[in-house]
């Protein structure tokens, strides 16, 4: 069951002041999406504190050059933060979509599609010529279906390592720079407003430990 719709949602650039809200949503999303997929200990009582520490560190960091600075995109409605996406420039020139989460209870209402469109548009505008990619657990079939519908192409299969010492099979999905240039960012062009970072870059926050996982 879903509540609300994407029509009441805007996307804006996140700031350090969003750390607690993002951490709370991140924890709730992990517990909802990953139950039965990851070990129970990874979803236990320490998860909210772990997520808070990671997001405070990410959003307080100074990355120097805008081209090296991650971007946090916040989906927000009258009820507060309802989703977020986090994009991290990589040494190989690609952009990693390290996180995309929607508040449990709002999945299926268009918020994820709005965030995905905003992420594609951000990469196209702020990192022209870069591919966007992500890693998703093989057993997270709902997320895989979503990413394929958004134009992602499977480009890798591997074992992902998680904090806590366990590994799980995962897929890599990619949106090529050409696809972004030829219209991959247009999925954010209808519906609610997306307030995107300017090409000069906005400080948003780093990848510290890979926030595993979508």
C-alpha atoms as a PDB file:
ATOM      1  CA  UNK A   1       0.000   0.000   0.000  1.00  0.00           C
ATOM      2  CA  UNK A   2       1.329   3.441  -0.884  1.00  0.00           C
ATOM      3  CA  UNK A   3       0.586   6.845   0.596  1.00  0.00           C
ATOM      4  CA  UNK A   4       0.818  10.145  -1.254  1.00  0.00           C
ATOM      5  CA  UNK A   5       2.081  10.677  -4.779  1.00  0.00           C
ATOM      6  CA  UNK A   6       5.025  12.290  -6.534  1.00  0.00           C
ATOM      7  CA  UNK A   7       2.880  15.325  -7.370  1.00  0.00           C
ATOM      8  CA  UNK A   8       3.446  16.823  -3.933  1.00  0.00           C
ATOM      9  CA  UNK A   9       7.224  16.239  -4.024  1.00  0.00           C
ATOM     10  CA  UNK A  10      10.123  18.494  -4.993  1.00  0.00           C
ATOM     11  CA  UNK A  11      13.771  17.499  -5.329  1.00  0.00           C
ATOM     12  CA  UNK A  12      16.420  19.774  -3.853  1.00  0.00           C
ATOM     13  CA  UNK A  13      20.115  19.595  -3.013  1.00  0.00           C
ATOM     14  CA  UNK A  14      20.783  18.183   0.441  1.00  0.00           C
ATOM     15  CA  UNK A  15      22.835  19.865   3.165  1.00  0.00           C
ATOM     16  CA  UNK A  16      24.485  18.884   6.437  1.00  0.00           C
ATOM     17  CA  UNK A  17      21.227  19.748   8.166  1.00  0.00           C
ATOM     18  CA  UNK A  18      19.571  16.766   6.463  1.00  0.00           C
ATOM     19  CA  UNK A  19      21.853  14.161   8.064  1.00  0.00           C
ATOM     20  CA  UNK A  20      19.446  12.920  10.727  1.00  0.00           C
ATOM     21  CA  UNK A  21      16.415  12.742   8.436  1.00  0.00           C
ATOM     22  CA  UNK A  22      18.413  10.918   5.774  1.00  0.00           C
ATOM     23  CA  UNK A  23      19.856   8.485   8.338  1.00  0.00           C
ATOM     24  CA  UNK A  24      16.393   7.710   9.727  1.00  0.00           C
ATOM     25  CA  UNK A  25      14.958   7.106   6.263  1.00  0.00           C
ATOM     26  CA  UNK A  26      18.003   5.065   5.233  1.00  0.00           C
ATOM     27  CA  UNK A  27      17.604   2.766   8.248  1.00  0.00           C
ATOM     28  CA  UNK A  28      13.870   2.317   7.689  1.00  0.00           C
ATOM     29  CA  UNK A  29      14.397   1.585   3.996  1.00  0.00           C
ATOM     30  CA  UNK A  30      17.104  -1.003   4.690  1.00  0.00           C
ATOM     31  CA  UNK A  31      14.866  -2.816   7.151  1.00  0.00           C
ATOM     32  CA  UNK A  32      11.943  -2.787   4.748  1.00  0.00           C
ATOM     33  CA  UNK A  33      13.781  -3.696   1.524  1.00  0.00           C
ATOM     34  CA  UNK A  34      16.487  -6.054   2.825  1.00  0.00           C
ATOM     35  CA  UNK A  35      14.605  -8.208   5.339  1.00  0.00           C
ATOM     36  CA  UNK A  36      15.274 -11.792   4.346  1.00  0.00           C
ATOM     37  CA  UNK A  37      18.062 -10.737   1.949  1.00  0.00           C
ATOM     38  CA  UNK A  38      20.856  -9.596   4.278  1.00  0.00           C
ATOM     39  CA  UNK A  39      21.746 -11.148   7.648  1.00  0.00           C
ATOM     40  CA  UNK A  40      19.470 -10.030  10.482  1.00  0.00           C
ATOM     41  CA  UNK A  41      22.431  -8.610  12.394  1.00  0.00           C
ATOM     42  CA  UNK A  42      22.923  -6.002   9.660  1.00  0.00           C
ATOM     43  CA  UNK A  43      19.421  -4.657  10.348  1.00  0.00           C
ATOM     44  CA  UNK A  44      19.607  -4.703  14.141  1.00  0.00           C
ATOM     45  CA  UNK A  45      19.435  -2.091  16.869  1.00  0.00           C
ATOM     46  CA  UNK A  46      22.754  -0.484  15.919  1.00  0.00           C
ATOM     47  CA  UNK A  47      21.674   0.388  12.375  1.00  0.00           C
ATOM     48  CA  UNK A  48      20.185   3.867  13.034  1.00  0.00           C
ATOM     49  CA  UNK A  49      23.274   5.034  14.941  1.00  0.00           C
ATOM     50  CA  UNK A  50      25.590   3.624  12.266  1.00  0.00           C
ATOM     51  CA  UNK A  51      23.650   5.402   9.504  1.00  0.00           C
ATOM     52  CA  UNK A  52      23.645   8.668  11.466  1.00  0.00           C
ATOM     53  CA  UNK A  53      27.412   8.573  11.969  1.00  0.00           C
ATOM     54  CA  UNK A  54      27.996   7.857   8.276  1.00  0.00           C
ATOM     55  CA  UNK A  55      25.726  10.660   7.061  1.00  0.00           C
ATOM     56  CA  UNK A  56      27.115  13.226   9.496  1.00  0.00           C
ATOM     57  CA  UNK A  57      30.628  12.371   8.307  1.00  0.00           C
ATOM     58  CA  UNK A  58      29.642  12.450   4.650  1.00  0.00           C
ATOM     59  CA  UNK A  59      27.819  15.767   4.841  1.00  0.00           C
ATOM     60  CA  UNK A  60      30.409  17.574   6.974  1.00  0.00           C
ATOM     61  CA  UNK A  61      33.367  16.676   4.757  1.00  0.00           C
ATOM     62  CA  UNK A  62      35.176  19.095   2.461  1.00  0.00           C
ATOM     63  CA  UNK A  63      35.940  17.574  -0.933  1.00  0.00           C
ATOM     64  CA  UNK A  64      37.702  20.508  -2.511  1.00  0.00           C
ATOM     65  CA  UNK A  65      37.005  20.632  -6.224  1.00  0.00           C
ATOM     66  CA  UNK A  66      33.314  20.529  -7.253  1.00  0.00           C
ATOM     67  CA  UNK A  67      34.117  17.757  -9.732  1.00  0.00           C
ATOM     68  CA  UNK A  68      35.131  15.534  -6.790  1.00  0.00           C
ATOM     69  CA  UNK A  69      32.201  16.451  -4.551  1.00  0.00           C
ATOM     70  CA  UNK A  70      29.344  13.973  -4.080  1.00  0.00           C
ATOM     71  CA  UNK A  71      25.776  15.210  -4.461  1.00  0.00           C
ATOM     72  CA  UNK A  72      22.879  14.468  -2.133  1.00  0.00           C
ATOM     73  CA  UNK A  73      19.455  14.938  -3.738  1.00  0.00           C
ATOM     74  CA  UNK A  74      16.501  15.135  -1.355  1.00  0.00           C
ATOM     75  CA  UNK A  75      12.895  14.358  -2.275  1.00  0.00           C
ATOM     76  CA  UNK A  76      10.704  16.407   0.032  1.00  0.00           C
ATOM     77  CA  UNK A  77       6.986  16.918   0.556  1.00  0.00           C
ATOM     78  CA  UNK A  78       4.852  18.616   3.181  1.00  0.00           C
ATOM     79  CA  UNK A  79       5.461  15.595   5.424  1.00  0.00           C
ATOM     80  CA  UNK A  80       9.241  16.029   5.244  1.00  0.00           C
ATOM     81  CA  UNK A  81      11.995  14.001   3.581  1.00  0.00           C
ATOM     82  CA  UNK A  82      10.433  11.149   1.596  1.00  0.00           C
ATOM     83  CA  UNK A  83      13.460   9.952  -0.362  1.00  0.00           C
ATOM     84  CA  UNK A  84      17.056  10.661  -1.323  1.00  0.00           C
ATOM     85  CA  UNK A  85      19.721   9.827  -3.881  1.00  0.00           C
ATOM     86  CA  UNK A  86      23.465  10.079  -3.347  1.00  0.00           C
ATOM     87  CA  UNK A  87      25.923  10.376  -6.236  1.00  0.00           C
ATOM     88  CA  UNK A  88      29.680   9.907  -5.837  1.00  0.00           C
ATOM     89  CA  UNK A  89      32.357  10.748  -8.462  1.00  0.00           C
ATOM     90  CA  UNK A  90      34.766   7.827  -8.881  1.00  0.00           C
ATOM     91  CA  UNK A  91      38.506   7.778  -9.721  1.00  0.00           C
ATOM     92  CA  UNK A  92      37.745   6.092 -13.072  1.00  0.00           C
ATOM     93  CA  UNK A  93      35.595   9.058 -14.153  1.00  0.00           C
ATOM     94  CA  UNK A  94      32.237   7.367 -13.658  1.00  0.00           C
ATOM     95  CA  UNK A  95      29.563   8.500 -11.203  1.00  0.00           C
ATOM     96  CA  UNK A  96      28.312   5.973  -8.647  1.00  0.00           C
ATOM     97  CA  UNK A  97      24.675   6.153  -7.571  1.00  0.00           C
ATOM     98  CA  UNK A  98      25.595   4.894  -4.128  1.00  0.00           C
ATOM     99  CA  UNK A  99      22.119   5.198  -2.631  1.00  0.00           C
ATOM    100  CA  UNK A 100      18.554   5.661  -3.807  1.00  0.00           C
ATOM    101  CA  UNK A 101      15.918   5.190  -1.126  1.00  0.00           C
ATOM    102  CA  UNK A 102      12.243   6.064  -0.731  1.00  0.00           C
ATOM    103  CA  UNK A 103      10.425   6.135   2.577  1.00  0.00           C
ATOM    104  CA  UNK A 104       8.557   2.857   3.197  1.00  0.00           C
ATOM    105  CA  UNK A 105       4.871   3.469   2.496  1.00  0.00           C
ATOM    106  CA  UNK A 106       5.641   5.751  -0.454  1.00  0.00           C
ATOM    107  CA  UNK A 107       7.206   3.195  -2.772  1.00  0.00           C
ATOM    108  CA  UNK A 108       5.309   2.835  -6.028  1.00  0.00           C
ATOM    109  CA  UNK A 109       4.010   6.417  -5.900  1.00  0.00           C
ATOM    110  CA  UNK A 110       6.572   7.910  -8.308  1.00  0.00           C
ATOM    111  CA  UNK A 111       9.101   9.312  -5.824  1.00  0.00           C
ATOM    112  CA  UNK A 112      11.818   6.867  -6.862  1.00  0.00           C
ATOM    113  CA  UNK A 113      11.249   7.674 -10.524  1.00  0.00           C
ATOM    114  CA  UNK A 114      11.499  11.385  -9.736  1.00  0.00           C
ATOM    115  CA  UNK A 115      14.777  10.894  -7.862  1.00  0.00           C
ATOM    116  CA  UNK A 116      16.181   8.689 -10.604  1.00  0.00           C
ATOM    117  CA  UNK A 117      15.370  11.340 -13.201  1.00  0.00           C
ATOM    118  CA  UNK A 118      16.982  14.018 -11.042  1.00  0.00           C
ATOM    119  CA  UNK A 119      20.101  11.859 -10.634  1.00  0.00           C
ATOM    120  CA  UNK A 120      20.374  11.297 -14.383  1.00  0.00           C
ATOM    121  CA  UNK A 121      19.900  15.001 -15.036  1.00  0.00           C
ATOM    122  CA  UNK A 122      22.537  15.909 -12.435  1.00  0.00           C
ATOM    123  CA  UNK A 123      25.134  13.655 -14.043  1.00  0.00           C
ATOM    124  CA  UNK A 124      24.306  14.929 -17.527  1.00  0.00           C
ATOM    125  CA  UNK A 125      24.581  18.576 -16.435  1.00  0.00           C
ATOM    126  CA  UNK A 126      27.392  18.481 -13.876  1.00  0.00           C
ATOM    127  CA  UNK A 127      29.529  15.593 -15.199  1.00  0.00           C
ATOM    128  CA  UNK A 128      29.105  15.640 -18.986  1.00  0.00           C
ATOM    129  CA  UNK A 129      30.716  12.636 -20.613  1.00  0.00           C
ATOM    130  CA  UNK A 130      30.521  10.468 -17.477  1.00  0.00           C
ATOM    131  CA  UNK A 131      28.657   7.172 -17.182  1.00  0.00           C
ATOM    132  CA  UNK A 132      26.341   6.652 -14.222  1.00  0.00           C
ATOM    133  CA  UNK A 133      26.352   3.236 -12.560  1.00  0.00           C
ATOM    134  CA  UNK A 134      25.071   1.500  -9.441  1.00  0.00           C
ATOM    135  CA  UNK A 135      25.331  -1.821  -7.639  1.00  0.00           C
ATOM    136  CA  UNK A 136      22.194  -3.687  -6.564  1.00  0.00           C
ATOM    137  CA  UNK A 137      21.795  -6.965  -4.708  1.00  0.00           C
ATOM    138  CA  UNK A 138      20.890  -9.857  -6.989  1.00  0.00           C
ATOM    139  CA  UNK A 139      17.972 -10.807  -4.740  1.00  0.00           C
ATOM    140  CA  UNK A 140      16.554  -7.270  -4.623  1.00  0.00           C
ATOM    141  CA  UNK A 141      14.281  -8.043  -7.555  1.00  0.00           C
ATOM    142  CA  UNK A 142      11.978  -5.088  -7.033  1.00  0.00           C
ATOM    143  CA  UNK A 143      14.879  -2.637  -7.314  1.00  0.00           C
ATOM    144  CA  UNK A 144      16.271  -4.472 -10.366  1.00  0.00           C
ATOM    145  CA  UNK A 145      12.918  -4.214 -12.141  1.00  0.00           C
ATOM    146  CA  UNK A 146      12.792  -0.495 -11.329  1.00  0.00           C
ATOM    147  CA  UNK A 147      16.311   0.212 -12.627  1.00  0.00           C
ATOM    148  CA  UNK A 148      15.703  -1.704 -15.838  1.00  0.00           C
ATOM    149  CA  UNK A 149      12.514   0.268 -16.436  1.00  0.00           C
ATOM    150  CA  UNK A 150      14.530   3.456 -15.963  1.00  0.00           C
ATOM    151  CA  UNK A 151      16.893   2.435 -18.758  1.00  0.00           C
ATOM    152  CA  UNK A 152      19.718   0.807 -16.806  1.00  0.00           C
ATOM    153  CA  UNK A 153      21.768  -1.853 -18.612  1.00  0.00           C
ATOM    154  CA  UNK A 154      23.324  -4.739 -16.699  1.00  0.00           C
ATOM    155  CA  UNK A 155      27.091  -4.443 -17.065  1.00  0.00           C
ATOM    156  CA  UNK A 156      28.550  -6.605 -14.305  1.00  0.00           C
ATOM    157  CA  UNK A 157      28.056  -9.475 -11.854  1.00  0.00           C
ATOM    158  CA  UNK A 158      30.151  -9.816  -8.706  1.00  0.00           C
ATOM    159  CA  UNK A 159      30.219 -10.393  -4.959  1.00  0.00           C
ATOM    160  CA  UNK A 160      29.619  -7.273  -2.878  1.00  0.00           C
ATOM    161  CA  UNK A 161      31.372  -6.856   0.472  1.00  0.00           C
ATOM    162  CA  UNK A 162      29.407  -5.292   3.309  1.00  0.00           C
ATOM    163  CA  UNK A 163      30.284  -3.771   6.676  1.00  0.00           C
ATOM    164  CA  UNK A 164      30.161  -6.656   9.115  1.00  0.00           C
ATOM    165  CA  UNK A 165      32.210  -8.987   6.953  1.00  0.00           C
ATOM    166  CA  UNK A 166      29.575 -10.712   4.830  1.00  0.00           C
ATOM    167  CA  UNK A 167      29.345 -10.899   1.044  1.00  0.00           C
ATOM    168  CA  UNK A 168      26.306 -11.145  -1.248  1.00  0.00           C
ATOM    169  CA  UNK A 169      25.961 -11.450  -5.022  1.00  0.00           C
ATOM    170  CA  UNK A 170      25.140  -8.215  -6.804  1.00  0.00           C
ATOM    171  CA  UNK A 171      24.688  -6.752 -10.271  1.00  0.00           C
ATOM    172  CA  UNK A 172      26.073  -3.584 -11.769  1.00  0.00           C
ATOM    173  CA  UNK A 173      23.763  -1.409 -13.891  1.00  0.00           C
ATOM    174  CA  UNK A 174      24.967   1.430 -16.100  1.00  0.00           C
ATOM    175  CA  UNK A 175      23.512   4.455 -17.879  1.00  0.00           C
ATOM    176  CA  UNK A 176      26.106   5.432 -20.475  1.00  0.00           C
ATOM    177  CA  UNK A 177      27.135   9.019 -21.113  1.00  0.00           C
ATOM    178  CA  UNK A 178      25.717   8.682 -24.600  1.00  0.00           C
ATOM    179  CA  UNK A 179      22.351   7.522 -23.260  1.00  0.00           C
ATOM    180  CA  UNK A 180      22.293  10.446 -20.836  1.00  0.00           C
ATOM    181  CA  UNK A 181      23.175  12.873 -23.605  1.00  0.00           C
ATOM    182  CA  UNK A 182      20.569  11.422 -25.949  1.00  0.00           C
ATOM    183  CA  UNK A 183      17.741  11.772 -23.482  1.00  0.00           C
ATOM    184  CA  UNK A 184      18.264   9.553 -20.454  1.00  0.00           C
ATOM    185  CA  UNK A 185      17.743  12.587 -18.212  1.00  0.00           C
ATOM    186  CA  UNK A 186      14.353  13.401 -19.694  1.00  0.00           C
ATOM    187  CA  UNK A 187      12.557  11.107 -17.262  1.00  0.00           C
ATOM    188  CA  UNK A 188      12.587  13.986 -14.764  1.00  0.00           C
ATOM    189  CA  UNK A 189      10.985  16.452 -17.160  1.00  0.00           C
ATOM    190  CA  UNK A 190       7.367  15.897 -16.180  1.00  0.00           C
ATOM    191  CA  UNK A 191       5.530  15.947 -12.882  1.00  0.00           C
ATOM    192  CA  UNK A 192       6.904  17.660  -9.791  1.00  0.00           C
ATOM    193  CA  UNK A 193       9.732  20.140  -9.615  1.00  0.00           C
ATOM    194  CA  UNK A 194      13.348  19.013  -9.450  1.00  0.00           C
ATOM    195  CA  UNK A 195      15.723  21.667  -8.097  1.00  0.00           C
ATOM    196  CA  UNK A 196      19.058  20.397  -9.325  1.00  0.00           C
ATOM    197  CA  UNK A 197      22.609  21.448  -8.524  1.00  0.00           C
ATOM    198  CA  UNK A 198      24.180  23.955 -10.885  1.00  0.00           C
ATOM    199  CA  UNK A 199      27.002  22.661 -13.097  1.00  0.00           C
ATOM    200  CA  UNK A 200      29.511  24.513 -10.884  1.00  0.00           C
ATOM    201  CA  UNK A 201      28.796  21.947  -8.184  1.00  0.00           C
ATOM    202  CA  UNK A 202      27.316  22.096  -4.702  1.00  0.00           C
ATOM    203  CA  UNK A 203      28.952  20.675  -1.591  1.00  0.00           C
ATOM    204  CA  UNK A 204      26.764  17.791  -0.600  1.00  0.00           C
ATOM    205  CA  UNK A 205      28.679  15.045   1.077  1.00  0.00           C
ATOM    206  CA  UNK A 206      31.030  12.080   0.631  1.00  0.00           C
ATOM    207  CA  UNK A 207      31.136   8.400   0.317  1.00  0.00           C
ATOM    208  CA  UNK A 208      32.891   7.119   3.334  1.00  0.00           C
ATOM    209  CA  UNK A 209      32.146   3.455   3.623  1.00  0.00           C
ATOM    210  CA  UNK A 210      30.054   2.266   0.735  1.00  0.00           C
ATOM    211  CA  UNK A 211      26.628   2.802   2.243  1.00  0.00           C
ATOM    212  CA  UNK A 212      25.476  -0.578   1.003  1.00  0.00           C
ATOM    213  CA  UNK A 213      23.155  -0.850  -0.562  1.00  0.00           C
ATOM    214  CA  UNK A 214      20.457   0.835  -2.521  1.00  0.00           C
END
